[in-house]
Amino acid sequence: MKDLSKKEVAKIIEDYFSKDKLDSLQTKKIKTLAMVHQIRLREYKKRFCKKCFEDLRLGKIRLSERYKTIVCGSCNYKNRFKLS
């Protein structure tokens, strides 16, 4: 695999997360690629489970006063995101 620049990697990440369905194996590779090139995923982190990298659009959502909790549909892990 050729050496990619930071801009090329950012474009690859943006293209991947613009898709409707996410694949867990591919998501793990994209996250690793972002870590290697020191690119923050920011809002993209809310699209996949922190534990199994599955798409969180299939999970159950709960809202509290400070947190948004999404329970993963495949591993039942509770992903919590702070509300601003």
C-alpha atoms as a PDB file:
ATOM      1  CA  MET A   1       0.000   0.000   0.000  1.00  0.00           C
ATOM      2  CA  LYS A   2       1.382   3.375  -0.951  1.00  0.00           C
ATOM      3  CA  ASP A   3       2.016   6.086   1.622  1.00  0.00           C
ATOM      4  CA  LEU A   4      -0.991   8.406   1.807  1.00  0.00           C
ATOM      5  CA  SER A   5      -1.017  12.072   2.738  1.00  0.00           C
ATOM      6  CA  LYS A   6      -3.171  13.425   5.545  1.00  0.00           C
ATOM      7  CA  LYS A   7      -5.560  15.108   3.061  1.00  0.00           C
ATOM      8  CA  GLU A   8      -6.024  11.872   1.097  1.00  0.00           C
ATOM      9  CA  VAL A   9      -6.784   9.951   4.288  1.00  0.00           C
ATOM     10  CA  ALA A  10      -9.273  12.637   5.383  1.00  0.00           C
ATOM     11  CA  LYS A  11     -11.036  12.285   2.020  1.00  0.00           C
ATOM     12  CA  ILE A  12     -11.180   8.467   2.383  1.00  0.00           C
ATOM     13  CA  ILE A  13     -12.677   8.813   5.876  1.00  0.00           C
ATOM     14  CA  GLU A  14     -15.252  11.353   4.711  1.00  0.00           C
ATOM     15  CA  ASP A  15     -16.286   9.139   1.778  1.00  0.00           C
ATOM     16  CA  TYR A  16     -16.650   6.096   4.057  1.00  0.00           C
ATOM     17  CA  PHE A  17     -18.886   7.812   6.607  1.00  0.00           C
ATOM     18  CA  SER A  18     -21.082   9.344   3.896  1.00  0.00           C
ATOM     19  CA  LYS A  19     -22.405   5.830   3.155  1.00  0.00           C
ATOM     20  CA  ASP A  20     -25.673   4.683   4.739  1.00  0.00           C
ATOM     21  CA  LYS A  21     -24.510   1.302   6.024  1.00  0.00           C
ATOM     22  CA  LEU A  22     -21.256   0.747   7.911  1.00  0.00           C
ATOM     23  CA  ASP A  23     -19.310  -2.509   8.028  1.00  0.00           C
ATOM     24  CA  SER A  24     -17.693  -3.305  11.394  1.00  0.00           C
ATOM     25  CA  LEU A  25     -14.418  -4.618   9.932  1.00  0.00           C
ATOM     26  CA  GLN A  26     -14.060  -1.662   7.574  1.00  0.00           C
ATOM     27  CA  THR A  27     -14.929   0.770  10.397  1.00  0.00           C
ATOM     28  CA  LYS A  28     -12.117  -0.666  12.512  1.00  0.00           C
ATOM     29  CA  LYS A  29      -9.671  -0.177   9.623  1.00  0.00           C
ATOM     30  CA  ILE A  30     -10.845   3.408   9.076  1.00  0.00           C
ATOM     31  CA  LYS A  31     -10.425   4.188  12.791  1.00  0.00           C
ATOM     32  CA  THR A  32      -6.900   2.747  12.766  1.00  0.00           C
ATOM     33  CA  LEU A  33      -6.064   4.760   9.645  1.00  0.00           C
ATOM     34  CA  ALA A  34      -7.301   7.922  11.369  1.00  0.00           C
ATOM     35  CA  MET A  35      -5.213   7.184  14.469  1.00  0.00           C
ATOM     36  CA  VAL A  36      -2.054   6.596  12.431  1.00  0.00           C
ATOM     37  CA  HIS A  37      -2.449   9.918  10.602  1.00  0.00           C
ATOM     38  CA  GLN A  38      -3.673  11.761  13.750  1.00  0.00           C
ATOM     39  CA  ILE A  39      -7.058  12.725  12.315  1.00  0.00           C
ATOM     40  CA  ARG A  40      -9.919  13.271  14.753  1.00  0.00           C
ATOM     41  CA  LEU A  41     -13.160  11.502  13.941  1.00  0.00           C
ATOM     42  CA  ARG A  42     -15.261  13.968  16.005  1.00  0.00           C
ATOM     43  CA  GLU A  43     -18.925  13.499  15.006  1.00  0.00           C
ATOM     44  CA  TYR A  44     -18.181  10.260  13.109  1.00  0.00           C
ATOM     45  CA  LYS A  45     -17.550   8.501  16.455  1.00  0.00           C
ATOM     46  CA  LYS A  46     -21.266   8.651  17.163  1.00  0.00           C
ATOM     47  CA  ARG A  47     -22.018   6.466  14.131  1.00  0.00           C
ATOM     48  CA  PHE A  48     -20.410   3.237  15.415  1.00  0.00           C
ATOM     49  CA  CYS A  49     -20.222   1.217  18.641  1.00  0.00           C
ATOM     50  CA  LYS A  50     -17.105   1.755  20.761  1.00  0.00           C
ATOM     51  CA  LYS A  51     -16.825  -1.959  21.510  1.00  0.00           C
ATOM     52  CA  CYS A  52     -17.763  -3.917  18.365  1.00  0.00           C
ATOM     53  CA  PHE A  53     -17.663  -1.147  15.676  1.00  0.00           C
ATOM     54  CA  GLU A  54     -21.177  -1.996  14.429  1.00  0.00           C
ATOM     55  CA  ASP A  55     -23.489   0.698  13.063  1.00  0.00           C
ATOM     56  CA  LEU A  56     -25.397   2.393  15.916  1.00  0.00           C
ATOM     57  CA  ARG A  57     -28.391   3.288  13.780  1.00  0.00           C
ATOM     58  CA  LEU A  58     -29.775  -0.130  14.714  1.00  0.00           C
ATOM     59  CA  GLY A  59     -29.585   0.558  18.469  1.00  0.00           C
ATOM     60  CA  LYS A  60     -32.011   1.837  21.076  1.00  0.00           C
ATOM     61  CA  ILE A  61     -31.746   5.502  22.095  1.00  0.00           C
ATOM     62  CA  ARG A  62     -32.327   6.934  25.586  1.00  0.00           C
ATOM     63  CA  LEU A  63     -32.021  10.573  26.536  1.00  0.00           C
ATOM     64  CA  SER A  64     -31.308  11.893  29.993  1.00  0.00           C
ATOM     65  CA  GLU A  65     -30.594  15.413  31.120  1.00  0.00           C
ATOM     66  CA  ARG A  66     -26.872  15.252  30.336  1.00  0.00           C
ATOM     67  CA  TYR A  67     -26.287  12.151  28.214  1.00  0.00           C
ATOM     68  CA  LYS A  68     -27.557  10.444  25.097  1.00  0.00           C
ATOM     69  CA  THR A  69     -27.264   6.672  25.548  1.00  0.00           C
ATOM     70  CA  ILE A  70     -27.410   4.357  22.550  1.00  0.00           C
ATOM     71  CA  VAL A  71     -27.530   0.615  23.243  1.00  0.00           C
ATOM     72  CA  CYS A  72     -25.804  -1.348  20.481  1.00  0.00           C
ATOM     73  CA  GLY A  73     -28.105  -3.738  18.627  1.00  0.00           C
ATOM     74  CA  SER A  74     -25.522  -6.501  18.327  1.00  0.00           C
ATOM     75  CA  CYS A  75     -23.447  -6.483  21.564  1.00  0.00           C
ATOM     76  CA  ASN A  76     -25.772  -4.533  23.936  1.00  0.00           C
ATOM     77  CA  TYR A  77     -22.960  -2.159  24.928  1.00  0.00           C
ATOM     78  CA  LYS A  78     -24.160   1.218  26.230  1.00  0.00           C
ATOM     79  CA  ASN A  79     -22.510   4.025  24.238  1.00  0.00           C
ATOM     80  CA  ARG A  80     -22.870   7.307  26.123  1.00  0.00           C
ATOM     81  CA  PHE A  81     -22.380  10.727  24.560  1.00  0.00           C
ATOM     82  CA  LYS A  82     -22.459  13.972  26.482  1.00  0.00           C
ATOM     83  CA  LEU A  83     -25.082  16.484  25.370  1.00  0.00           C
ATOM     84  CA  SER A  84     -23.829  20.007  24.917  1.00  0.00           C
END
